[in-house]
């Protein structure tokens, strides 16, 4: 029970820290990870959190006001 609670709390802390990052910084980190895994021909886009999208959401930034979407071309 304590391990599950610890993992849940850790996830919340990491998610909040990620959302607090500036969007360009987080976008750069995500891009570096994708490049490191050999992913090619993709587009990361920063959009308002309210904007509807069918693209995959890969991050949140600017205190949760914006999201980063991913689409492979």
C-alpha atoms as a PDB file:
ATOM      1  CA  UNK A   1       0.000   0.000   0.000  1.00  0.00           C
ATOM      2  CA  UNK A   2       2.795   2.436   0.875  1.00  0.00           C
ATOM      3  CA  UNK A   3       4.598   1.713  -2.402  1.00  0.00           C
ATOM      4  CA  UNK A   4       1.478   2.469  -4.425  1.00  0.00           C
ATOM      5  CA  UNK A   5       0.885   5.690  -2.524  1.00  0.00           C
ATOM      6  CA  UNK A   6       4.524   6.707  -3.008  1.00  0.00           C
ATOM      7  CA  UNK A   7       4.365   5.995  -6.751  1.00  0.00           C
ATOM      8  CA  UNK A   8       1.140   7.961  -7.112  1.00  0.00           C
ATOM      9  CA  UNK A   9       2.565  10.911  -5.214  1.00  0.00           C
ATOM     10  CA  UNK A  10       5.756  10.788  -7.303  1.00  0.00           C
ATOM     11  CA  UNK A  11       3.716  10.828 -10.496  1.00  0.00           C
ATOM     12  CA  UNK A  12       1.764  13.886  -9.357  1.00  0.00           C
ATOM     13  CA  UNK A  13       4.950  15.763  -8.440  1.00  0.00           C
ATOM     14  CA  UNK A  14       6.592  14.961 -11.783  1.00  0.00           C
ATOM     15  CA  UNK A  15       3.460  15.950 -13.723  1.00  0.00           C
ATOM     16  CA  UNK A  16       3.279  19.283 -11.907  1.00  0.00           C
ATOM     17  CA  UNK A  17       6.961  19.951 -12.495  1.00  0.00           C
ATOM     18  CA  UNK A  18       6.558  19.177 -16.181  1.00  0.00           C
ATOM     19  CA  UNK A  19       3.529  21.458 -16.512  1.00  0.00           C
ATOM     20  CA  UNK A  20       5.431  24.291 -14.848  1.00  0.00           C
ATOM     21  CA  UNK A  21       8.231  24.235 -17.449  1.00  0.00           C
ATOM     22  CA  UNK A  22       8.373  26.775 -20.253  1.00  0.00           C
ATOM     23  CA  UNK A  23       6.962  25.264 -23.438  1.00  0.00           C
ATOM     24  CA  UNK A  24      10.021  25.720 -25.628  1.00  0.00           C
ATOM     25  CA  UNK A  25      12.236  24.038 -23.012  1.00  0.00           C
ATOM     26  CA  UNK A  26       9.912  21.037 -22.698  1.00  0.00           C
ATOM     27  CA  UNK A  27       9.477  20.817 -26.472  1.00  0.00           C
ATOM     28  CA  UNK A  28      13.260  20.688 -26.824  1.00  0.00           C
ATOM     29  CA  UNK A  29      13.534  17.901 -24.245  1.00  0.00           C
ATOM     30  CA  UNK A  30      10.814  15.849 -25.946  1.00  0.00           C
ATOM     31  CA  UNK A  31      12.432  16.414 -29.350  1.00  0.00           C
ATOM     32  CA  UNK A  32      15.812  15.272 -28.001  1.00  0.00           C
ATOM     33  CA  UNK A  33      14.258  12.072 -26.625  1.00  0.00           C
ATOM     34  CA  UNK A  34      12.522  11.329 -29.917  1.00  0.00           C
ATOM     35  CA  UNK A  35      15.704  12.007 -31.890  1.00  0.00           C
ATOM     36  CA  UNK A  36      17.650   9.777 -29.486  1.00  0.00           C
ATOM     37  CA  UNK A  37      15.231   6.940 -30.195  1.00  0.00           C
ATOM     38  CA  UNK A  38      15.675   7.407 -33.940  1.00  0.00           C
ATOM     39  CA  UNK A  39      12.213   8.815 -34.612  1.00  0.00           C
ATOM     40  CA  UNK A  40      12.101  10.721 -37.908  1.00  0.00           C
ATOM     41  CA  UNK A  41       9.537  12.881 -39.698  1.00  0.00           C
ATOM     42  CA  UNK A  42       7.514  14.137 -36.751  1.00  0.00           C
ATOM     43  CA  UNK A  43       6.048  17.484 -35.759  1.00  0.00           C
ATOM     44  CA  UNK A  44       5.725  18.811 -32.220  1.00  0.00           C
ATOM     45  CA  UNK A  45       3.317  21.694 -31.848  1.00  0.00           C
ATOM     46  CA  UNK A  46       2.499  23.920 -28.863  1.00  0.00           C
ATOM     47  CA  UNK A  47      -1.225  24.651 -28.639  1.00  0.00           C
ATOM     48  CA  UNK A  48      -3.623  26.050 -26.016  1.00  0.00           C
ATOM     49  CA  UNK A  49      -5.018  23.409 -23.692  1.00  0.00           C
ATOM     50  CA  UNK A  50      -8.584  24.325 -24.734  1.00  0.00           C
ATOM     51  CA  UNK A  51      -7.907  23.614 -28.411  1.00  0.00           C
ATOM     52  CA  UNK A  52      -9.425  20.354 -29.632  1.00  0.00           C
ATOM     53  CA  UNK A  53      -7.004  18.066 -31.439  1.00  0.00           C
ATOM     54  CA  UNK A  54      -6.816  14.535 -32.748  1.00  0.00           C
ATOM     55  CA  UNK A  55      -3.030  14.551 -32.343  1.00  0.00           C
ATOM     56  CA  UNK A  56      -1.309  12.734 -29.506  1.00  0.00           C
ATOM     57  CA  UNK A  57      -0.634  14.947 -26.474  1.00  0.00           C
ATOM     58  CA  UNK A  58       2.922  14.379 -25.215  1.00  0.00           C
ATOM     59  CA  UNK A  59       3.325  17.165 -22.649  1.00  0.00           C
ATOM     60  CA  UNK A  60       1.841  20.066 -20.741  1.00  0.00           C
ATOM     61  CA  UNK A  61       3.608  23.355 -20.057  1.00  0.00           C
ATOM     62  CA  UNK A  62       3.222  26.973 -18.940  1.00  0.00           C
ATOM     63  CA  UNK A  63       1.469  25.942 -15.727  1.00  0.00           C
ATOM     64  CA  UNK A  64      -0.987  23.750 -17.624  1.00  0.00           C
ATOM     65  CA  UNK A  65      -2.137  26.499 -20.003  1.00  0.00           C
ATOM     66  CA  UNK A  66      -0.530  24.925 -23.070  1.00  0.00           C
ATOM     67  CA  UNK A  67      -0.001  21.400 -24.371  1.00  0.00           C
ATOM     68  CA  UNK A  68       2.479  19.852 -26.764  1.00  0.00           C
ATOM     69  CA  UNK A  69       1.099  17.620 -29.488  1.00  0.00           C
ATOM     70  CA  UNK A  70       2.905  15.026 -31.589  1.00  0.00           C
ATOM     71  CA  UNK A  71       2.121  13.784 -35.066  1.00  0.00           C
ATOM     72  CA  UNK A  72       4.260  11.620 -37.288  1.00  0.00           C
ATOM     73  CA  UNK A  73       4.293  12.470 -40.984  1.00  0.00           C
END
